[in-house]
Protein backbone atom coordinates (compact mmCIF):
# COMPACT_ATOMS: atom_id res chain seq x y z
CA MET A 1 0.00 0.00 0.00
CA GLU A 2 3.05 2.28 -0.24
CA ARG A 3 1.66 4.16 -3.22
CA GLN A 4 -1.23 5.50 -1.16
CA SER A 5 0.93 7.42 1.31
CA PRO A 6 0.48 10.80 -0.46
CA TRP A 7 -3.27 10.65 0.30
CA ARG A 8 -2.76 11.71 3.91
CA LYS A 9 -1.18 14.99 2.82
CA ALA A 10 -3.86 15.42 0.17
CA CYS A 11 -6.60 15.53 2.80
CA PHE A 12 -5.08 18.03 5.26
CA ALA A 13 -7.00 20.89 3.62
CA CYS A 14 -10.28 19.06 4.23
CA ILE A 15 -9.75 17.57 7.71
CA PHE A 16 -10.73 20.63 9.74
CA SER A 17 -14.09 21.12 8.06
CA PHE A 18 -14.97 17.46 8.56
CA LEU A 19 -13.92 17.34 12.23
CA CYS A 20 -15.81 20.54 12.95
CA GLY A 21 -18.98 19.00 11.62
CA CYS A 22 -19.36 21.31 8.66
CA ALA A 23 -20.39 18.41 6.46
CA SER A 24 -23.62 16.77 7.60
CA ASN A 25 -24.95 13.29 6.96
CA MET A 26 -27.58 14.76 4.66
CA ALA A 27 -26.90 15.69 1.07
CA PRO A 28 -26.95 19.39 0.20
CA THR A 29 -30.38 20.67 -0.71
CA PRO A 30 -31.02 20.07 -4.44
CA PRO A 31 -31.60 23.15 -6.58
CA PRO A 32 -35.33 24.04 -6.72
CA ASP A 33 -35.55 23.52 -10.48
CA THR A 34 -34.04 20.03 -10.37
CA PRO A 35 -36.54 17.21 -11.06
CA GLN A 36 -36.81 14.45 -8.50
CA ARG A 37 -34.67 11.31 -8.92
CA GLY A 38 -36.23 8.73 -11.23
CA VAL A 39 -38.60 11.15 -12.97
CA ALA A 40 -38.38 11.10 -16.76
CA CYS A 41 -38.64 14.62 -18.10
CA ASP A 42 -39.83 15.34 -21.62
CA CYS A 43 -39.22 19.06 -21.23
CA ALA A 44 -36.10 19.30 -23.39
CA SER A 45 -35.47 22.50 -25.23
CA ASP A 46 -36.22 22.70 -28.94
CA THR A 47 -32.58 23.66 -29.36
CA GLU A 48 -31.29 20.53 -27.58
CA THR A 49 -29.35 19.50 -30.68
CA ASP A 50 -27.30 22.70 -30.29
CA LEU A 51 -26.19 21.85 -26.74
CA VAL A 52 -22.60 21.03 -25.84
CA LEU A 53 -22.67 17.26 -25.28
CA VAL A 54 -20.43 15.74 -22.58
CA ARG A 55 -20.49 11.93 -22.41
CA VAL A 56 -19.56 10.48 -19.02
CA CYS A 57 -18.99 6.76 -18.53
CA GLY A 58 -17.46 4.45 -15.96
CA SER A 59 -17.81 3.89 -12.23
CA ASN A 60 -21.19 2.83 -10.86
CA SER A 61 -19.93 3.56 -7.33
CA MET A 62 -19.68 7.24 -8.30
CA LYS A 63 -23.18 7.39 -9.81
CA GLY A 64 -24.92 9.32 -7.02
CA ALA A 65 -22.07 11.80 -6.57
CA LEU A 66 -21.75 12.45 -10.31
CA GLU A 67 -25.47 13.04 -10.69
CA ASP A 68 -25.44 15.46 -7.74
CA LEU A 69 -22.39 17.32 -9.03
CA THR A 70 -23.74 17.56 -12.57
CA LYS A 71 -27.11 18.94 -11.52
CA ALA A 72 -25.52 21.49 -9.18
CA PHE A 73 -22.96 22.48 -11.84
CA LEU A 74 -25.61 23.13 -14.48
CA VAL A 75 -27.92 25.05 -12.14
CA ARG A 76 -25.21 27.21 -10.55
CA GLU A 77 -26.22 30.32 -12.50
CA GLY A 78 -29.96 29.94 -11.97
CA GLU A 79 -30.52 27.89 -15.11
CA ALA A 80 -33.43 25.46 -15.30
CA VAL A 81 -32.07 21.90 -15.26
CA PHE A 82 -33.82 18.85 -16.71
CA LEU A 83 -33.24 15.23 -15.78
CA GLU A 84 -34.04 11.97 -17.53
CA GLU A 85 -33.17 8.73 -15.76
CA ARG A 86 -33.58 5.27 -17.30
CA THR A 87 -33.54 1.96 -15.47
CA ARG A 88 -30.60 -0.33 -16.11
CA ASN A 89 -32.58 -3.13 -17.77
CA HIS A 90 -35.72 -1.63 -19.26
CA VAL A 91 -37.10 1.53 -20.77
CA ASP A 92 -40.87 1.51 -21.21
CA GLY A 93 -40.81 -2.26 -20.86
CA LEU A 94 -38.20 -2.74 -23.59
CA PRO A 95 -34.58 -3.83 -23.15
CA HIS A 96 -32.15 -0.96 -22.60
CA GLU A 97 -30.48 -0.01 -25.87
CA GLU A 98 -26.84 -1.06 -26.14
CA GLY A 99 -24.59 1.91 -25.53
CA ALA A 100 -27.46 4.24 -24.55
CA PRO A 101 -26.95 6.63 -21.61
CA GLU A 102 -28.74 5.79 -18.36
CA ILE A 103 -28.87 9.37 -17.03
CA ALA A 104 -29.12 12.65 -18.91
CA VAL A 105 -28.93 16.07 -17.24
CA TRP A 106 -29.07 19.28 -19.24
CA ASN A 107 -29.81 23.00 -19.29
CA SER A 108 -29.98 25.47 -22.16
CA ASP A 109 -26.23 25.30 -22.78
CA ALA A 110 -24.95 21.80 -22.09
CA ARG A 111 -26.11 18.20 -21.80
CA PHE A 112 -24.34 15.52 -19.72
CA GLU A 113 -25.12 11.91 -20.65
CA MET A 114 -23.98 9.19 -18.23
CA ARG A 115 -23.45 5.48 -18.75
CA LEU A 116 -22.04 4.14 -15.47
CA ARG A 117 -21.49 0.40 -15.77
CA GLY A 118 -17.99 -0.02 -14.44
CA SER A 119 -14.64 1.75 -14.25
CA LEU A 120 -12.86 -0.55 -16.68
CA GLU A 121 -15.61 -0.19 -19.28
CA GLY A 122 -15.40 3.58 -18.90
CA GLN A 123 -11.64 3.56 -19.44
CA LYS A 124 -12.04 1.48 -22.61
CA ARG A 125 -14.73 3.82 -23.92
CA LEU A 126 -12.50 6.83 -23.31
CA ALA A 127 -9.75 5.07 -25.29
CA ASP A 128 -12.02 4.47 -28.28
CA ARG A 129 -13.48 8.01 -27.99
CA SER A 130 -17.04 6.87 -27.30
CA CYS A 131 -17.05 9.00 -24.13
CA ASP A 132 -15.42 12.25 -23.02
CA VAL A 133 -14.95 11.66 -19.27
CA ALA A 134 -14.21 8.28 -17.67
CA ALA A 135 -15.15 8.06 -14.00
CA SER A 136 -12.95 5.47 -12.31
CA SER A 137 -12.77 3.99 -8.81
CA ASP A 138 -9.32 2.51 -9.43
CA TRP A 139 -6.07 3.56 -11.03
CA MET A 140 -5.81 2.86 -14.73
CA SER A 141 -3.51 -0.08 -15.51
CA ASP A 142 -0.31 0.39 -17.49
CA GLN A 143 -1.77 -1.75 -20.27
CA THR A 144 -4.81 0.51 -20.59
CA ARG A 145 -2.71 3.67 -20.38
CA ASN A 146 -0.57 2.41 -23.26
CA SER A 147 -3.69 2.22 -25.45
CA PHE A 148 -3.88 6.03 -25.51
CA THR A 149 -1.29 6.28 -28.26
CA ASN A 150 -0.32 9.83 -29.27
CA ARG A 151 -2.96 11.33 -26.98
CA THR A 152 -2.39 13.12 -23.68
CA LEU A 153 -4.25 11.34 -20.89
CA SER A 154 -5.12 13.20 -17.70
CA GLY A 155 -6.33 11.49 -14.51
CA THR A 156 -7.73 13.80 -11.84
CA VAL A 157 -8.36 12.44 -8.34
CA ILE A 158 -11.43 14.17 -6.89
CA ALA A 159 -11.94 12.12 -3.70
CA LEU A 160 -10.92 9.10 -1.63
CA ASP A 161 -13.15 6.08 -1.09
CA GLY A 162 -12.87 2.65 0.48
CA VAL A 163 -14.05 -0.82 -0.52
CA VAL A 164 -16.05 -2.21 2.40
CA ILE A 165 -17.08 -5.76 3.25
CA ILE A 166 -20.78 -5.85 4.11
CA VAL A 167 -22.94 -8.50 5.77
CA ASN A 168 -26.53 -8.74 6.94
CA ARG A 169 -27.30 -7.14 10.31
CA ASP A 170 -28.32 -10.59 11.61
CA ASN A 171 -25.18 -12.34 10.38
CA PRO A 172 -24.31 -15.20 12.78
CA ILE A 173 -20.74 -13.91 13.31
CA PHE A 174 -20.77 -10.17 12.71
CA GLY A 175 -24.43 -9.30 13.25
CA ASN A 176 -26.01 -7.32 16.07
CA GLY A 177 -25.77 -8.88 19.51
CA ASN A 178 -22.44 -10.67 19.06
CA ILE A 179 -20.33 -10.19 22.17
CA HIS A 180 -16.90 -10.55 20.53
CA GLU A 181 -15.18 -8.01 18.29
CA ARG A 182 -14.33 -10.01 15.18
CA SER A 183 -12.76 -9.29 11.82
CA LEU A 184 -11.93 -10.94 8.53
CA SER A 185 -8.35 -11.41 7.43
CA ARG A 186 -7.10 -11.10 3.88
CA ALA A 187 -6.74 -14.92 3.76
CA GLU A 188 -10.32 -15.44 4.98
CA LEU A 189 -11.70 -13.04 2.38
CA ARG A 190 -9.74 -14.86 -0.28
CA GLY A 191 -11.12 -18.20 0.93
CA ILE A 192 -14.70 -16.95 0.98
CA PHE A 193 -14.68 -15.39 -2.48
CA LEU A 194 -12.75 -18.23 -4.10
CA GLY A 195 -15.12 -20.82 -2.61
CA ASP A 196 -12.60 -22.46 -0.27
CA ILE A 197 -14.45 -21.37 2.89
CA GLY A 198 -18.15 -22.16 2.70
CA ASP A 199 -19.57 -21.75 6.22
CA TRP A 200 -19.79 -18.79 8.59
CA GLY A 201 -18.72 -20.99 11.48
CA PHE A 202 -15.16 -21.12 10.18
CA VAL A 203 -14.28 -17.42 9.89
CA GLY A 204 -13.92 -14.47 12.22
CA PHE A 205 -12.60 -16.40 15.22
CA SER A 206 -9.52 -15.53 17.25
CA GLY A 207 -9.46 -18.46 19.67
CA GLU A 208 -12.40 -17.51 21.88
CA ALA A 209 -14.57 -20.37 20.66
CA VAL A 210 -14.39 -23.67 18.81
CA PRO A 211 -15.49 -23.21 15.17
CA GLN A 212 -18.69 -25.00 14.24
CA PRO A 213 -21.09 -24.81 11.28
CA LEU A 214 -23.39 -21.80 11.45
CA GLY A 215 -24.75 -21.57 7.90
CA ALA A 216 -23.56 -21.65 4.30
CA ILE A 217 -21.95 -18.43 3.10
CA ARG A 218 -23.60 -16.77 0.08
CA ALA A 219 -21.13 -14.37 -1.53
CA PHE A 220 -22.06 -11.64 -4.01
CA ALA A 221 -19.64 -9.60 -6.13
CA ARG A 222 -19.49 -6.61 -8.45
CA PRO A 223 -18.77 -7.49 -12.13
CA SER A 224 -15.28 -7.90 -13.53
CA GLU A 225 -15.36 -4.48 -15.28
CA SER A 226 -15.91 -2.77 -11.92
CA GLY A 227 -13.09 -0.78 -10.34
CA THR A 228 -14.38 -2.05 -6.99
CA THR A 229 -13.74 -5.62 -8.12
CA SER A 230 -10.25 -4.85 -9.46
CA THR A 231 -9.36 -3.21 -6.13
CA PHE A 232 -10.75 -6.14 -4.16
CA ARG A 233 -9.05 -8.78 -6.34
CA ARG A 234 -5.71 -7.06 -5.93
CA PHE A 235 -6.17 -6.85 -2.14
CA ILE A 236 -6.84 -10.58 -1.68
CA GLY A 237 -4.01 -11.52 -4.06
CA MET A 238 -5.95 -13.03 -6.95
CA GLN A 239 -4.20 -13.94 -10.17
CA SER A 240 -5.47 -12.54 -13.47
CA ASP A 241 -6.61 -15.98 -14.63
CA GLN A 242 -8.57 -16.71 -11.44
CA ASP A 243 -12.36 -16.24 -11.21
CA LEU A 244 -14.39 -15.34 -8.15
CA SER A 245 -16.68 -18.10 -6.88
CA VAL A 246 -19.91 -16.30 -5.95
CA GLU A 247 -23.69 -16.69 -6.09
CA ARG A 248 -23.84 -14.01 -8.79
CA GLU A 249 -22.35 -10.72 -9.90
CA ILE A 250 -24.47 -7.60 -9.38
CA SER A 251 -23.78 -4.55 -11.55
CA ASP A 252 -25.45 -1.89 -9.42
CA SER A 253 -23.92 -1.07 -6.03
CA TYR A 254 -27.27 -0.23 -4.45
CA GLU A 255 -28.81 -3.50 -5.64
CA LEU A 256 -25.93 -5.46 -4.10
CA ILE A 257 -26.39 -3.63 -0.79
CA SER A 258 -30.13 -4.38 -0.86
CA THR A 259 -29.43 -8.05 -1.63
CA VAL A 260 -27.12 -8.42 1.37
CA ALA A 261 -29.57 -6.54 3.59
CA SER A 262 -32.27 -9.11 2.81
CA ASP A 263 -30.15 -12.29 3.14
CA ARG A 264 -28.91 -13.29 6.61
CA LEU A 265 -26.05 -15.46 5.33
CA SER A 266 -24.82 -13.19 2.53
CA VAL A 267 -21.63 -11.17 2.14
CA GLY A 268 -20.46 -8.70 -0.50
CA TYR A 269 -18.08 -5.84 -1.16
CA VAL A 270 -19.03 -2.32 -2.32
CA SER A 271 -17.95 1.30 -2.18
CA LEU A 272 -18.11 2.95 1.25
CA GLY A 273 -20.13 5.88 -0.13
CA PRO A 274 -23.26 3.99 -1.24
CA ALA A 275 -22.98 1.55 1.71
CA LEU A 276 -23.21 4.28 4.35
CA GLY A 277 -26.94 4.58 3.70
CA GLY A 278 -27.57 0.83 3.57
CA ASP A 279 -29.14 -1.41 6.23
CA VAL A 280 -26.02 -3.56 6.48
CA THR A 281 -23.09 -4.19 8.86
CA PHE A 282 -19.50 -3.28 7.97
CA VAL A 283 -16.97 -6.01 8.72
CA PRO A 284 -13.61 -4.88 10.18
CA ILE A 285 -10.60 -6.00 8.15
CA LEU A 286 -7.50 -7.38 9.84
CA ASP A 287 -4.69 -5.13 8.63
CA ASP A 288 -1.55 -7.21 8.02
CA ARG A 289 0.60 -4.11 8.40
CA ILE A 290 -0.27 -3.53 12.06
CA GLY A 291 -1.91 -6.80 13.11
CA GLN A 292 -5.12 -5.02 14.16
CA ALA A 293 -8.71 -4.94 12.92
CA VAL A 294 -9.75 -1.71 11.22
CA ARG A 295 -13.33 -0.53 10.64
CA PRO A 296 -14.00 1.54 7.51
CA SER A 297 -14.89 5.20 7.97
CA PRO A 298 -14.13 8.54 6.30
CA SER A 299 -11.58 9.35 9.01
CA ARG A 300 -9.76 6.07 8.29
CA LEU A 301 -9.49 7.10 4.64
CA ILE A 302 -7.96 10.42 5.62
CA ASP A 303 -5.17 8.91 7.72
CA ASN A 304 -4.69 5.95 5.33
CA SER A 305 -5.26 3.42 8.11
CA TYR A 306 -7.97 1.51 6.25
CA PRO A 307 -6.27 -1.12 4.02
CA LEU A 308 -8.81 -0.89 1.18
CA THR A 309 -8.57 2.87 0.63
CA ARG A 310 -8.61 3.90 -3.03
CA PRO A 311 -8.93 7.00 -5.24
CA LEU A 312 -11.91 8.21 -7.24
CA LEU A 313 -10.80 9.75 -10.53
CA LEU A 314 -12.05 11.51 -13.62
CA TYR A 315 -9.96 10.63 -16.70
CA THR A 316 -9.98 12.88 -19.78
CA ILE A 317 -7.93 13.19 -22.96
CA GLU A 318 -6.73 16.20 -24.88
CA ARG A 319 -8.39 16.60 -28.26
CA ASP A 320 -6.86 17.58 -31.55
CA ALA A 321 -8.45 21.00 -31.31
CA GLU A 322 -9.79 22.47 -28.08
CA GLY A 323 -13.48 23.37 -28.24
CA ASP A 324 -16.68 23.79 -26.26
CA VAL A 325 -16.60 20.25 -24.85
CA ASP A 326 -13.10 20.74 -23.42
CA GLU A 327 -14.07 24.07 -21.84
CA THR A 328 -17.22 22.59 -20.26
CA ILE A 329 -15.21 19.66 -18.84
CA ARG A 330 -12.59 22.06 -17.45
CA GLN A 331 -15.29 24.11 -15.72
CA PHE A 332 -16.92 20.95 -14.35
CA LEU A 333 -13.63 19.77 -12.83
CA GLU A 334 -13.12 23.19 -11.25
CA PHE A 335 -16.62 22.94 -9.77
CA ALA A 336 -15.89 19.46 -8.37
CA PHE A 337 -12.92 20.94 -6.47
CA SER A 338 -14.89 23.93 -5.19
CA SER A 339 -16.27 24.11 -1.65
CA ILE A 340 -19.76 23.36 -2.99
CA GLY A 341 -18.47 20.38 -4.96
CA HIS A 342 -16.71 19.09 -1.85
CA GLU A 343 -19.97 19.28 0.10
CA PHE A 344 -21.71 17.03 -2.42
CA LEU A 345 -18.85 14.53 -2.43
CA PHE A 346 -18.68 14.34 1.36
CA ALA A 347 -22.46 14.02 1.63
CA ARG A 348 -22.14 10.88 -0.51
CA GLY A 349 -19.62 9.37 1.92
CA PHE A 350 -16.44 10.25 0.01
CA VAL A 351 -13.46 12.31 1.22
CA PRO A 352 -12.70 15.20 -1.18
CA VAL A 353 -9.09 16.12 -1.94
CA ALA A 354 -7.42 19.32 -3.08
CA SER A 355 -6.91 19.78 -6.81
CA GLY A 356 -3.72 18.17 -8.11
CA SER A 357 -2.73 16.78 -4.71
CA VAL A 358 -2.87 13.08 -5.65
CA VAL A 359 -1.18 11.65 -8.73
CA GLN A 360 -0.93 8.12 -10.06
CA PRO A 361 2.26 6.44 -8.81
C-alpha cells in the first residue's frame, strides 16, 4: 500500500471542516428547479441538438455523486435543469439499448449523458473516444494507459473512497448482539470469495470459541469491469486468470447492498459511499501491516489506516483541437474541487481532496 501514502497529505485541507462537523450526513439541498430522482422529463429544449454534449462513462460507485455534481454544476447560475433517468434493464418495458446513456442532465447550454457500468468499461470507452470523461474507482492499468497512443491522458483524483465488506445485520458472526469483536483477514476473504471457505462458522474467530457450522456463506460480487472488483481482487491476491466463486455478480452497487440486507447469510463488497446509507453491517478488516482490525470510515481514509482505501478519478484526454466540450469539462472539474463540490462529495460518503494533490504512482 506504499503508493497511497500521499493521500494523507492530500486531505489536510479538508480535515478541519470534517472534524468541525461542517459536512452533515444529509446531502446538500437540491436546486429548486431540479426534477426528483427517477422522474423522466420530456421538457427538453427545442434547441437541444445545439447543446454542448459531454459523455460520461465508468464507475457505478460514483453514480450518485456524479449526478449530484452535474445537476448542481448546471444550475449554478440559476438555469433550469432537466433530468431523464432510465432503469438499467428496461425503458418503457423494452430492453435498454446497447450503448445508450442511463442518465441525462441538461440546461440550455450543455447536456451531460452518463453510462455508469464499471470503471474498466469507462476507461475502454475513453480510449475508443465513445465518451469524453471516464469516472474510475481505481487507477488505470499500465496496459490501458498504453492504449492512448499519441494522446495526452489526464487522470484527476477528486476524492478518496474505500471498498467495504458488508454482511446482513443478523449475520451469525458479525451481526447485532455478538459479544466478541471479530474481523476478517485477507486470507479469509480470499477463501470466501474463491469458494474455499463455505460456512460462517469457520471465519472471524480468534481463539475464543471452537469453530462449528453456522450456515452456508452466500457471496455476491461486483462485475469484472468494476473498479471495486479490481481493487478487491488485488487486495486478496488473486491472479489474473482466477475467477471469483460467488452466487452471482451484481452490476449496481445499491442493488448489491439491498441483496445483502435481505439475506442473513450473505456477504459482499461495495464502495463505502453507497454503503453508508444501507441497512447492512460493515466487517472490520485485519490489517496485516499492524496486526489489528480496522473498521471503515471517512476518518480512516484520511489517515490511510484503512487497508482498502482507493482514489476516485475523472480521466480525460486532450483533443486535436480544443473546443466547447473541453471548456465545459474544465469548468466541471473546477466545480468538483470547489467548496460546494466538496460538500456534495462528502455528503455521498467520500473524502474530497485538493486539486492536483494526488497523482498516479
